[in-house]
Amino acid sequence: MKAIETTATINENGELTLDRSVEVTKPQRVRVIVLMIEEGEEDPDETPTEIALEGIRQGLREAFTGQIMPLSQMWEGIDAELSPKF
């Protein structure tokens, strides 16, 4: 089984519209899991705009002042587990 993650919108009739096209070569049935944000709950995948903008500004300041590090060095000492492929 292959997994594809994307976002979508549910309209007032309960119909689901994907935000982007998925690359499917032939019509087929699929399984769908819908994760909805409860009222008053924050979306854990959504970074507030001001926080995102400040991160971009900080990154630009560091780049313009030469505070850079080789990409290969950034991963030193990080133990990352690889996710299983679907």
N, C-alpha and C. Protein backbone atom coordinates (compact mmCIF):
# COMPACT_ATOMS: atom_id res chain seq x y z
N MET A 1 0.85 -1.18 0.00
CA MET A 1 0.00 0.00 0.00
C MET A 1 0.89 1.23 0.00
N LYS A 2 0.53 2.23 -0.77
CA LYS A 2 1.27 3.48 -0.86
C LYS A 2 0.50 4.57 -0.14
N ALA A 3 1.20 5.44 0.59
CA ALA A 3 0.55 6.54 1.30
C ALA A 3 0.92 7.86 0.64
N ILE A 4 -0.07 8.73 0.49
CA ILE A 4 0.14 10.08 -0.03
C ILE A 4 -0.50 11.02 0.97
N GLU A 5 0.26 12.01 1.44
CA GLU A 5 -0.30 12.98 2.38
C GLU A 5 -0.47 14.31 1.67
N THR A 6 -1.63 14.89 1.82
CA THR A 6 -1.92 16.21 1.27
C THR A 6 -2.99 16.85 2.14
N THR A 7 -3.28 18.10 1.88
CA THR A 7 -4.35 18.78 2.60
C THR A 7 -5.57 18.87 1.69
N ALA A 8 -6.71 19.15 2.29
CA ALA A 8 -7.95 19.22 1.53
C ALA A 8 -8.94 20.10 2.27
N THR A 9 -10.06 20.36 1.62
CA THR A 9 -11.14 21.14 2.21
C THR A 9 -12.43 20.32 2.13
N ILE A 10 -13.19 20.34 3.20
CA ILE A 10 -14.51 19.71 3.19
C ILE A 10 -15.53 20.83 3.09
N ASN A 11 -16.41 20.75 2.09
CA ASN A 11 -17.42 21.81 1.93
C ASN A 11 -18.65 21.52 2.78
N GLU A 12 -19.64 22.40 2.67
CA GLU A 12 -20.84 22.28 3.51
C GLU A 12 -21.66 21.03 3.22
N ASN A 13 -21.40 20.37 2.07
CA ASN A 13 -22.09 19.13 1.74
C ASN A 13 -21.30 17.90 2.16
N GLY A 14 -20.17 18.12 2.83
CA GLY A 14 -19.34 17.00 3.27
C GLY A 14 -18.46 16.44 2.18
N GLU A 15 -18.33 17.15 1.07
CA GLU A 15 -17.51 16.69 -0.04
C GLU A 15 -16.06 17.14 0.15
N LEU A 16 -15.14 16.26 -0.14
CA LEU A 16 -13.71 16.50 0.08
C LEU A 16 -13.06 16.93 -1.24
N THR A 17 -12.34 18.06 -1.22
CA THR A 17 -11.59 18.54 -2.38
C THR A 17 -10.13 18.64 -1.99
N LEU A 18 -9.27 17.89 -2.69
CA LEU A 18 -7.84 17.92 -2.39
C LEU A 18 -7.24 19.24 -2.86
N ASP A 19 -6.25 19.74 -2.10
CA ASP A 19 -5.60 21.00 -2.45
C ASP A 19 -4.62 20.86 -3.60
N ARG A 20 -4.21 19.66 -3.90
CA ARG A 20 -3.33 19.42 -5.04
C ARG A 20 -3.69 18.08 -5.67
N SER A 21 -3.32 17.95 -6.91
CA SER A 21 -3.58 16.70 -7.62
C SER A 21 -2.62 15.63 -7.14
N VAL A 22 -3.10 14.41 -7.03
CA VAL A 22 -2.22 13.29 -6.70
C VAL A 22 -1.94 12.54 -8.00
N GLU A 23 -0.71 12.06 -8.12
CA GLU A 23 -0.32 11.40 -9.36
C GLU A 23 -0.81 9.97 -9.38
N VAL A 24 -1.99 9.78 -9.97
CA VAL A 24 -2.61 8.47 -10.07
C VAL A 24 -2.74 8.15 -11.55
N THR A 25 -2.31 6.96 -11.94
CA THR A 25 -2.31 6.61 -13.36
C THR A 25 -3.59 5.95 -13.83
N LYS A 26 -4.41 5.47 -12.89
CA LYS A 26 -5.68 4.84 -13.28
C LYS A 26 -6.69 5.02 -12.16
N PRO A 27 -7.97 5.06 -12.47
CA PRO A 27 -9.00 5.17 -11.43
C PRO A 27 -8.93 3.95 -10.50
N GLN A 28 -9.09 4.21 -9.21
CA GLN A 28 -9.06 3.13 -8.23
C GLN A 28 -9.67 3.59 -6.92
N ARG A 29 -10.11 2.65 -6.12
CA ARG A 29 -10.62 2.96 -4.80
C ARG A 29 -9.45 3.21 -3.87
N VAL A 30 -9.64 4.10 -2.88
CA VAL A 30 -8.60 4.42 -1.92
C VAL A 30 -9.20 4.45 -0.53
N ARG A 31 -8.34 4.38 0.48
CA ARG A 31 -8.76 4.56 1.86
C ARG A 31 -8.41 5.98 2.25
N VAL A 32 -9.30 6.64 2.97
CA VAL A 32 -9.09 8.03 3.36
C VAL A 32 -9.22 8.16 4.87
N ILE A 33 -8.26 8.84 5.47
CA ILE A 33 -8.32 9.18 6.89
C ILE A 33 -8.39 10.69 6.97
N VAL A 34 -9.39 11.22 7.64
CA VAL A 34 -9.57 12.67 7.75
C VAL A 34 -9.22 13.10 9.17
N LEU A 35 -8.24 13.99 9.30
CA LEU A 35 -7.86 14.55 10.59
C LEU A 35 -8.32 15.99 10.60
N MET A 36 -9.25 16.32 11.49
CA MET A 36 -9.81 17.66 11.54
C MET A 36 -9.38 18.37 12.81
N ILE A 37 -9.14 19.67 12.69
CA ILE A 37 -8.81 20.50 13.83
C ILE A 37 -10.10 20.80 14.58
N GLU A 38 -10.13 20.53 15.87
CA GLU A 38 -11.30 20.83 16.69
C GLU A 38 -11.41 22.34 16.91
N GLU A 39 -12.60 22.82 17.18
CA GLU A 39 -12.80 24.25 17.43
C GLU A 39 -11.94 24.68 18.63
N GLY A 40 -11.20 25.76 18.46
CA GLY A 40 -10.34 26.27 19.52
C GLY A 40 -8.98 25.61 19.58
N GLU A 41 -8.76 24.59 18.78
CA GLU A 41 -7.49 23.86 18.76
C GLU A 41 -6.60 24.44 17.66
N GLU A 42 -5.30 24.53 17.93
CA GLU A 42 -4.37 25.01 16.92
C GLU A 42 -3.90 23.87 16.04
N ASP A 43 -3.66 24.17 14.77
CA ASP A 43 -3.15 23.18 13.83
C ASP A 43 -1.67 22.95 14.15
N PRO A 44 -1.28 21.74 14.54
CA PRO A 44 0.13 21.50 14.89
C PRO A 44 1.07 21.63 13.70
N ASP A 45 0.56 21.56 12.50
CA ASP A 45 1.39 21.68 11.29
C ASP A 45 1.50 23.12 10.81
N GLU A 46 0.79 24.03 11.44
CA GLU A 46 0.74 25.42 10.98
C GLU A 46 1.57 26.30 11.91
N THR A 47 2.67 26.82 11.41
CA THR A 47 3.50 27.74 12.19
C THR A 47 2.88 29.13 12.07
N PRO A 48 2.66 29.82 13.19
CA PRO A 48 2.12 31.18 13.10
C PRO A 48 2.99 32.06 12.20
N THR A 49 2.35 32.91 11.42
CA THR A 49 3.04 33.74 10.43
C THR A 49 4.19 34.54 11.03
N GLU A 50 3.97 35.18 12.16
CA GLU A 50 5.02 36.01 12.76
C GLU A 50 6.24 35.19 13.14
N ILE A 51 6.04 33.98 13.64
CA ILE A 51 7.17 33.12 14.01
C ILE A 51 7.92 32.69 12.75
N ALA A 52 7.19 32.35 11.70
CA ALA A 52 7.83 31.95 10.44
C ALA A 52 8.63 33.11 9.85
N LEU A 53 8.04 34.31 9.85
CA LEU A 53 8.73 35.48 9.31
C LEU A 53 9.99 35.81 10.10
N GLU A 54 9.92 35.70 11.43
CA GLU A 54 11.10 35.99 12.24
C GLU A 54 12.21 34.98 11.96
N GLY A 55 11.86 33.73 11.75
CA GLY A 55 12.86 32.72 11.40
C GLY A 55 13.53 33.02 10.07
N ILE A 56 12.74 33.49 9.11
CA ILE A 56 13.30 33.86 7.81
C ILE A 56 14.22 35.06 7.96
N ARG A 57 13.78 36.07 8.71
CA ARG A 57 14.62 37.26 8.93
C ARG A 57 15.94 36.89 9.59
N GLN A 58 15.88 36.03 10.62
CA GLN A 58 17.08 35.62 11.31
C GLN A 58 18.02 34.88 10.37
N GLY A 59 17.48 33.99 9.56
CA GLY A 59 18.30 33.25 8.61
C GLY A 59 18.97 34.17 7.60
N LEU A 60 18.24 35.17 7.12
CA LEU A 60 18.83 36.13 6.18
C LEU A 60 19.93 36.95 6.84
N ARG A 61 19.67 37.41 8.09
CA ARG A 61 20.70 38.17 8.82
C ARG A 61 21.98 37.35 8.95
N GLU A 62 21.82 36.09 9.34
CA GLU A 62 22.98 35.22 9.51
C GLU A 62 23.71 35.00 8.19
N ALA A 63 22.97 34.79 7.11
CA ALA A 63 23.58 34.57 5.80
C ALA A 63 24.34 35.81 5.35
N PHE A 64 23.72 36.99 5.50
CA PHE A 64 24.36 38.24 5.05
C PHE A 64 25.59 38.60 5.88
N THR A 65 25.66 38.14 7.12
CA THR A 65 26.82 38.47 7.97
C THR A 65 27.85 37.33 7.98
N GLY A 66 27.65 36.34 7.13
CA GLY A 66 28.62 35.25 7.00
C GLY A 66 28.55 34.20 8.08
N GLN A 67 27.49 34.19 8.87
CA GLN A 67 27.34 33.19 9.93
C GLN A 67 26.73 31.92 9.33
N ILE A 68 27.55 31.23 8.54
CA ILE A 68 27.06 30.04 7.84
C ILE A 68 27.87 28.83 8.24
N MET A 69 27.33 27.65 7.93
CA MET A 69 27.97 26.40 8.29
C MET A 69 27.73 25.43 7.13
N PRO A 70 28.72 24.63 6.74
CA PRO A 70 28.50 23.65 5.68
C PRO A 70 27.38 22.68 6.05
N LEU A 71 26.57 22.34 5.08
CA LEU A 71 25.43 21.46 5.32
C LEU A 71 25.88 20.13 5.93
N SER A 72 26.98 19.59 5.46
CA SER A 72 27.45 18.31 5.99
C SER A 72 27.77 18.40 7.48
N GLN A 73 28.23 19.56 7.93
CA GLN A 73 28.56 19.75 9.34
C GLN A 73 27.31 19.89 10.21
N MET A 74 26.22 20.36 9.62
CA MET A 74 24.98 20.55 10.38
C MET A 74 24.43 19.23 10.91
N TRP A 75 24.69 18.13 10.21
CA TRP A 75 24.13 16.84 10.60
C TRP A 75 25.00 16.07 11.58
N GLU A 76 26.20 16.56 11.86
CA GLU A 76 27.09 15.86 12.78
C GLU A 76 26.46 15.77 14.17
N GLY A 77 26.46 14.58 14.74
CA GLY A 77 25.95 14.39 16.08
C GLY A 77 24.44 14.24 16.17
N ILE A 78 23.76 14.28 15.04
CA ILE A 78 22.30 14.12 15.06
C ILE A 78 21.98 12.67 14.73
N ASP A 79 21.29 12.01 15.64
CA ASP A 79 20.86 10.63 15.41
C ASP A 79 19.42 10.65 14.97
N ALA A 80 19.19 10.51 13.68
CA ALA A 80 17.83 10.54 13.16
C ALA A 80 17.41 9.13 12.75
N GLU A 81 16.19 8.79 13.14
CA GLU A 81 15.64 7.51 12.72
C GLU A 81 14.95 7.71 11.38
N LEU A 82 15.13 6.77 10.48
CA LEU A 82 14.48 6.85 9.18
C LEU A 82 13.08 6.26 9.29
N SER A 83 12.11 6.93 8.69
CA SER A 83 10.75 6.43 8.68
C SER A 83 10.65 5.26 7.71
N PRO A 84 9.83 4.27 8.03
CA PRO A 84 9.65 3.16 7.07
C PRO A 84 8.92 3.68 5.84
N LYS A 85 9.28 3.13 4.69
CA LYS A 85 8.63 3.51 3.43
C LYS A 85 7.31 2.77 3.31
N PHE A 86 6.33 3.47 2.76
CA PHE A 86 5.02 2.85 2.57
C PHE A 86 4.97 2.15 1.25
